[in-house]
Amino acid sequence: MSYFLKQFGKNIKYYRQLRGLSQEQLSEMVDVSRNTIGLWETGKSFIDYPKLVKLCKALEIDPAQIFDVIPENEASYQKQTLDISNLSKSQVDIILKIISEFRK
């Protein structure tokens, strides 16, 4: 599991808890199983674009906030870059689509 996915998952959990939502409540709002929310939060699964849009609306955040992944220290910038490069093509395509949508 990559550093990026772990941090991405922590962001989901952070914003869910900030809104006072359980995984079950959030899963109903996003129309996925509670298990899926758990997989996202632990970095074991990646979200698709339509669910990301629903997730951000449910959490009342801008999609850019969910991708705010900050390394623990300067040395981890290189590791983070390498971790992102280990994402699958479909995961990278999703991220690029999100970035391009919100630059408009």
N, C-alpha and C. Protein backbone atom coordinates (compact mmCIF):
# COMPACT_ATOMS: atom_id res chain seq x y z
N MET A 1 0.85 -1.17 0.00
CA MET A 1 0.00 0.00 0.00
C MET A 1 0.89 1.24 0.00
N SER A 2 0.58 2.18 -0.82
CA SER A 2 1.43 3.36 -0.97
C SER A 2 1.16 4.40 0.12
N TYR A 3 2.16 5.21 0.33
CA TYR A 3 2.05 6.33 1.27
C TYR A 3 0.88 7.22 0.86
N PHE A 4 0.77 7.49 -0.43
CA PHE A 4 -0.29 8.35 -0.94
C PHE A 4 -1.67 7.81 -0.56
N LEU A 5 -1.91 6.52 -0.79
CA LEU A 5 -3.22 5.94 -0.49
C LEU A 5 -3.51 5.97 1.00
N LYS A 6 -2.49 5.73 1.83
CA LYS A 6 -2.69 5.80 3.28
C LYS A 6 -3.08 7.20 3.71
N GLN A 7 -2.39 8.20 3.18
CA GLN A 7 -2.68 9.59 3.55
C GLN A 7 -4.04 10.03 2.99
N PHE A 8 -4.35 9.61 1.78
CA PHE A 8 -5.65 9.88 1.18
C PHE A 8 -6.76 9.33 2.07
N GLY A 9 -6.57 8.10 2.53
CA GLY A 9 -7.54 7.47 3.42
C GLY A 9 -7.67 8.19 4.75
N LYS A 10 -6.54 8.65 5.29
CA LYS A 10 -6.58 9.40 6.55
C LYS A 10 -7.38 10.69 6.37
N ASN A 11 -7.26 11.31 5.20
CA ASN A 11 -8.02 12.54 4.93
C ASN A 11 -9.52 12.25 4.93
N ILE A 12 -9.91 11.15 4.30
CA ILE A 12 -11.33 10.79 4.30
C ILE A 12 -11.82 10.61 5.73
N LYS A 13 -11.07 9.85 6.51
CA LYS A 13 -11.46 9.60 7.91
C LYS A 13 -11.52 10.90 8.70
N TYR A 14 -10.52 11.77 8.51
CA TYR A 14 -10.48 13.04 9.23
C TYR A 14 -11.75 13.87 8.94
N TYR A 15 -12.07 14.04 7.67
CA TYR A 15 -13.24 14.86 7.32
C TYR A 15 -14.55 14.18 7.72
N ARG A 16 -14.59 12.87 7.70
CA ARG A 16 -15.79 12.15 8.16
C ARG A 16 -16.01 12.41 9.64
N GLN A 17 -14.95 12.26 10.42
CA GLN A 17 -15.05 12.48 11.86
C GLN A 17 -15.33 13.94 12.18
N LEU A 18 -14.74 14.84 11.41
CA LEU A 18 -14.97 16.27 11.60
C LEU A 18 -16.45 16.60 11.45
N ARG A 19 -17.12 15.92 10.54
CA ARG A 19 -18.56 16.13 10.32
C ARG A 19 -19.42 15.33 11.28
N GLY A 20 -18.77 14.51 12.12
CA GLY A 20 -19.51 13.72 13.11
C GLY A 20 -20.27 12.57 12.50
N LEU A 21 -19.77 12.03 11.40
CA LEU A 21 -20.45 10.93 10.72
C LEU A 21 -19.78 9.59 11.03
N SER A 22 -20.59 8.57 11.15
CA SER A 22 -20.05 7.22 11.25
C SER A 22 -19.77 6.72 9.84
N GLN A 23 -19.02 5.64 9.73
CA GLN A 23 -18.79 5.04 8.41
C GLN A 23 -20.12 4.63 7.79
N GLU A 24 -21.02 4.13 8.60
CA GLU A 24 -22.33 3.69 8.10
C GLU A 24 -23.11 4.88 7.53
N GLN A 25 -23.14 5.99 8.26
CA GLN A 25 -23.87 7.17 7.78
C GLN A 25 -23.27 7.68 6.47
N LEU A 26 -21.94 7.76 6.43
CA LEU A 26 -21.29 8.24 5.21
C LEU A 26 -21.54 7.28 4.05
N SER A 27 -21.52 5.99 4.32
CA SER A 27 -21.73 5.02 3.25
C SER A 27 -23.12 5.19 2.63
N GLU A 28 -24.10 5.50 3.45
CA GLU A 28 -25.45 5.73 2.93
C GLU A 28 -25.50 6.98 2.06
N MET A 29 -24.79 8.01 2.46
CA MET A 29 -24.78 9.27 1.71
C MET A 29 -24.07 9.13 0.37
N VAL A 30 -23.06 8.26 0.32
CA VAL A 30 -22.26 8.09 -0.90
C VAL A 30 -22.76 6.91 -1.74
N ASP A 31 -23.66 6.13 -1.16
CA ASP A 31 -24.24 4.96 -1.84
C ASP A 31 -23.20 3.86 -2.10
N VAL A 32 -22.45 3.55 -1.04
CA VAL A 32 -21.50 2.45 -1.05
C VAL A 32 -21.67 1.69 0.26
N SER A 33 -21.00 0.55 0.39
CA SER A 33 -21.08 -0.20 1.64
C SER A 33 -20.20 0.43 2.71
N ARG A 34 -20.49 0.13 3.96
CA ARG A 34 -19.65 0.60 5.05
C ARG A 34 -18.23 0.04 4.89
N ASN A 35 -18.16 -1.19 4.40
CA ASN A 35 -16.87 -1.82 4.16
C ASN A 35 -16.04 -1.02 3.15
N THR A 36 -16.68 -0.47 2.13
CA THR A 36 -15.97 0.34 1.13
C THR A 36 -15.38 1.58 1.77
N ILE A 37 -16.14 2.23 2.65
CA ILE A 37 -15.61 3.40 3.36
C ILE A 37 -14.37 2.99 4.16
N GLY A 38 -14.46 1.86 4.83
CA GLY A 38 -13.32 1.35 5.60
C GLY A 38 -12.11 1.08 4.72
N LEU A 39 -12.33 0.51 3.56
CA LEU A 39 -11.22 0.24 2.63
C LEU A 39 -10.58 1.53 2.14
N TRP A 40 -11.40 2.54 1.85
CA TRP A 40 -10.85 3.83 1.44
C TRP A 40 -10.03 4.44 2.56
N GLU A 41 -10.58 4.40 3.79
CA GLU A 41 -9.92 5.04 4.92
C GLU A 41 -8.61 4.36 5.29
N THR A 42 -8.48 3.09 5.02
CA THR A 42 -7.24 2.38 5.34
C THR A 42 -6.27 2.35 4.16
N GLY A 43 -6.67 2.93 3.04
CA GLY A 43 -5.80 2.98 1.86
C GLY A 43 -5.72 1.66 1.12
N LYS A 44 -6.67 0.76 1.36
CA LYS A 44 -6.65 -0.54 0.71
C LYS A 44 -7.43 -0.56 -0.59
N SER A 45 -8.14 0.52 -0.86
CA SER A 45 -8.91 0.64 -2.10
C SER A 45 -8.93 2.11 -2.50
N PHE A 46 -9.06 2.36 -3.79
CA PHE A 46 -9.09 3.73 -4.29
C PHE A 46 -10.49 4.03 -4.82
N ILE A 47 -10.86 5.26 -4.73
CA ILE A 47 -12.20 5.72 -5.09
C ILE A 47 -12.29 6.03 -6.58
N ASP A 48 -13.48 5.84 -7.16
CA ASP A 48 -13.66 6.26 -8.55
C ASP A 48 -14.25 7.67 -8.56
N TYR A 49 -14.20 8.30 -9.72
CA TYR A 49 -14.58 9.71 -9.82
C TYR A 49 -16.02 10.01 -9.39
N PRO A 50 -17.02 9.26 -9.86
CA PRO A 50 -18.39 9.58 -9.43
C PRO A 50 -18.59 9.48 -7.91
N LYS A 51 -17.95 8.49 -7.29
CA LYS A 51 -18.06 8.35 -5.84
C LYS A 51 -17.29 9.47 -5.12
N LEU A 52 -16.19 9.90 -5.71
CA LEU A 52 -15.43 11.00 -5.12
C LEU A 52 -16.28 12.26 -5.06
N VAL A 53 -17.01 12.53 -6.11
CA VAL A 53 -17.88 13.71 -6.15
C VAL A 53 -18.93 13.60 -5.04
N LYS A 54 -19.57 12.44 -4.90
CA LYS A 54 -20.57 12.23 -3.85
C LYS A 54 -19.94 12.35 -2.47
N LEU A 55 -18.75 11.78 -2.31
CA LEU A 55 -18.06 11.82 -1.03
C LEU A 55 -17.78 13.26 -0.60
N CYS A 56 -17.26 14.05 -1.52
CA CYS A 56 -16.92 15.44 -1.20
C CYS A 56 -18.17 16.26 -0.88
N LYS A 57 -19.25 15.99 -1.57
CA LYS A 57 -20.51 16.68 -1.26
C LYS A 57 -21.00 16.29 0.13
N ALA A 58 -20.92 15.00 0.44
CA ALA A 58 -21.36 14.52 1.75
C ALA A 58 -20.51 15.11 2.87
N LEU A 59 -19.22 15.25 2.62
CA LEU A 59 -18.31 15.79 3.63
C LEU A 59 -18.25 17.31 3.61
N GLU A 60 -18.90 17.91 2.61
CA GLU A 60 -18.93 19.37 2.45
C GLU A 60 -17.53 19.94 2.32
N ILE A 61 -16.75 19.32 1.43
CA ILE A 61 -15.39 19.78 1.18
C ILE A 61 -15.14 19.88 -0.31
N ASP A 62 -14.13 20.65 -0.67
CA ASP A 62 -13.67 20.73 -2.04
C ASP A 62 -12.84 19.48 -2.33
N PRO A 63 -12.97 18.89 -3.51
CA PRO A 63 -12.18 17.69 -3.81
C PRO A 63 -10.68 17.86 -3.62
N ALA A 64 -10.16 19.06 -3.82
CA ALA A 64 -8.73 19.27 -3.62
C ALA A 64 -8.31 18.97 -2.18
N GLN A 65 -9.22 19.18 -1.23
CA GLN A 65 -8.90 18.93 0.17
C GLN A 65 -8.63 17.46 0.44
N ILE A 66 -9.33 16.60 -0.24
CA ILE A 66 -9.17 15.16 -0.01
C ILE A 66 -7.82 14.68 -0.53
N PHE A 67 -7.24 15.41 -1.50
CA PHE A 67 -5.95 15.04 -2.06
C PHE A 67 -4.79 15.79 -1.41
N ASP A 68 -5.06 16.50 -0.34
CA ASP A 68 -4.00 17.26 0.34
C ASP A 68 -3.16 16.29 1.16
N VAL A 69 -2.13 15.76 0.52
CA VAL A 69 -1.26 14.77 1.14
C VAL A 69 0.09 15.42 1.40
N ILE A 70 0.39 15.59 2.68
CA ILE A 70 1.63 16.25 3.08
C ILE A 70 2.57 15.21 3.68
N PRO A 71 3.78 15.11 3.15
CA PRO A 71 4.75 14.17 3.71
C PRO A 71 5.13 14.55 5.14
N GLU A 72 5.57 13.57 5.89
CA GLU A 72 5.97 13.81 7.28
C GLU A 72 7.22 14.66 7.39
N ASN A 73 8.11 14.54 6.42
CA ASN A 73 9.34 15.33 6.46
C ASN A 73 9.88 15.50 5.05
N GLU A 74 10.91 16.31 4.91
CA GLU A 74 11.48 16.61 3.59
C GLU A 74 11.90 15.35 2.84
N ALA A 75 12.49 14.39 3.54
CA ALA A 75 12.98 13.17 2.88
C ALA A 75 11.83 12.37 2.28
N SER A 76 10.64 12.53 2.83
CA SER A 76 9.53 11.74 2.32
C SER A 76 8.91 12.32 1.05
N TYR A 77 9.31 13.54 0.64
CA TYR A 77 8.82 14.06 -0.64
C TYR A 77 9.19 13.12 -1.78
N GLN A 78 10.43 12.65 -1.76
CA GLN A 78 10.88 11.73 -2.79
C GLN A 78 10.09 10.42 -2.71
N LYS A 79 9.88 9.92 -1.49
CA LYS A 79 9.12 8.68 -1.31
C LYS A 79 7.68 8.87 -1.81
N GLN A 80 7.08 10.01 -1.49
CA GLN A 80 5.71 10.27 -1.93
C GLN A 80 5.63 10.27 -3.45
N THR A 81 6.59 10.89 -4.11
CA THR A 81 6.62 10.90 -5.57
C THR A 81 6.72 9.49 -6.11
N LEU A 82 7.58 8.69 -5.52
CA LEU A 82 7.72 7.30 -5.96
C LEU A 82 6.44 6.51 -5.69
N ASP A 83 5.80 6.74 -4.55
CA ASP A 83 4.55 6.04 -4.23
C ASP A 83 3.46 6.37 -5.24
N ILE A 84 3.36 7.64 -5.61
CA ILE A 84 2.35 8.03 -6.59
C ILE A 84 2.63 7.35 -7.92
N SER A 85 3.91 7.20 -8.25
CA SER A 85 4.23 6.55 -9.51
C SER A 85 3.89 5.06 -9.49
N ASN A 86 3.66 4.51 -8.32
CA ASN A 86 3.27 3.10 -8.21
C ASN A 86 1.76 2.89 -8.31
N LEU A 87 1.01 3.97 -8.45
CA LEU A 87 -0.43 3.84 -8.63
C LEU A 87 -0.71 3.23 -10.00
N SER A 88 -1.85 2.58 -10.10
CA SER A 88 -2.21 1.99 -11.39
C SER A 88 -2.58 3.10 -12.37
N LYS A 89 -2.60 2.75 -13.65
CA LYS A 89 -2.95 3.73 -14.68
C LYS A 89 -4.36 4.27 -14.44
N SER A 90 -5.28 3.42 -14.05
CA SER A 90 -6.66 3.89 -13.82
C SER A 90 -6.72 4.85 -12.63
N GLN A 91 -5.92 4.61 -11.59
CA GLN A 91 -5.89 5.52 -10.46
C GLN A 91 -5.30 6.87 -10.86
N VAL A 92 -4.23 6.85 -11.63
CA VAL A 92 -3.62 8.09 -12.11
C VAL A 92 -4.60 8.84 -13.02
N ASP A 93 -5.30 8.11 -13.88
CA ASP A 93 -6.29 8.74 -14.76
C ASP A 93 -7.38 9.44 -13.97
N ILE A 94 -7.83 8.82 -12.88
CA ILE A 94 -8.86 9.43 -12.02
C ILE A 94 -8.34 10.73 -11.42
N ILE A 95 -7.12 10.69 -10.90
CA ILE A 95 -6.54 11.88 -10.28
C ILE A 95 -6.39 13.00 -11.32
N LEU A 96 -5.91 12.67 -12.49
CA LEU A 96 -5.75 13.68 -13.54
C LEU A 96 -7.09 14.26 -13.98
N LYS A 97 -8.11 13.42 -14.04
CA LYS A 97 -9.44 13.89 -14.41
C LYS A 97 -9.96 14.87 -13.36
N ILE A 98 -9.77 14.54 -12.12
CA ILE A 98 -10.23 15.42 -11.04
C ILE A 98 -9.51 16.76 -11.10
N ILE A 99 -8.21 16.72 -11.27
CA ILE A 99 -7.43 17.96 -11.35
C ILE A 99 -7.89 18.82 -12.51
N SER A 100 -8.10 18.20 -13.68
CA SER A 100 -8.51 18.98 -14.85
C SER A 100 -9.92 19.54 -14.67
N GLU A 101 -10.81 18.80 -14.03
CA GLU A 101 -12.18 19.28 -13.81
C GLU A 101 -12.21 20.51 -12.92
N PHE A 102 -11.37 20.55 -11.92
CA PHE A 102 -11.40 21.64 -10.98
C PHE A 102 -10.50 22.80 -11.35
N ARG A 103 -9.81 22.71 -12.46
CA ARG A 103 -9.03 23.83 -12.98
C ARG A 103 -9.87 24.69 -13.90
N LYS A 104 -11.02 24.17 -14.31
CA LYS A 104 -11.89 24.88 -15.26
C LYS A 104 -12.54 26.08 -14.60
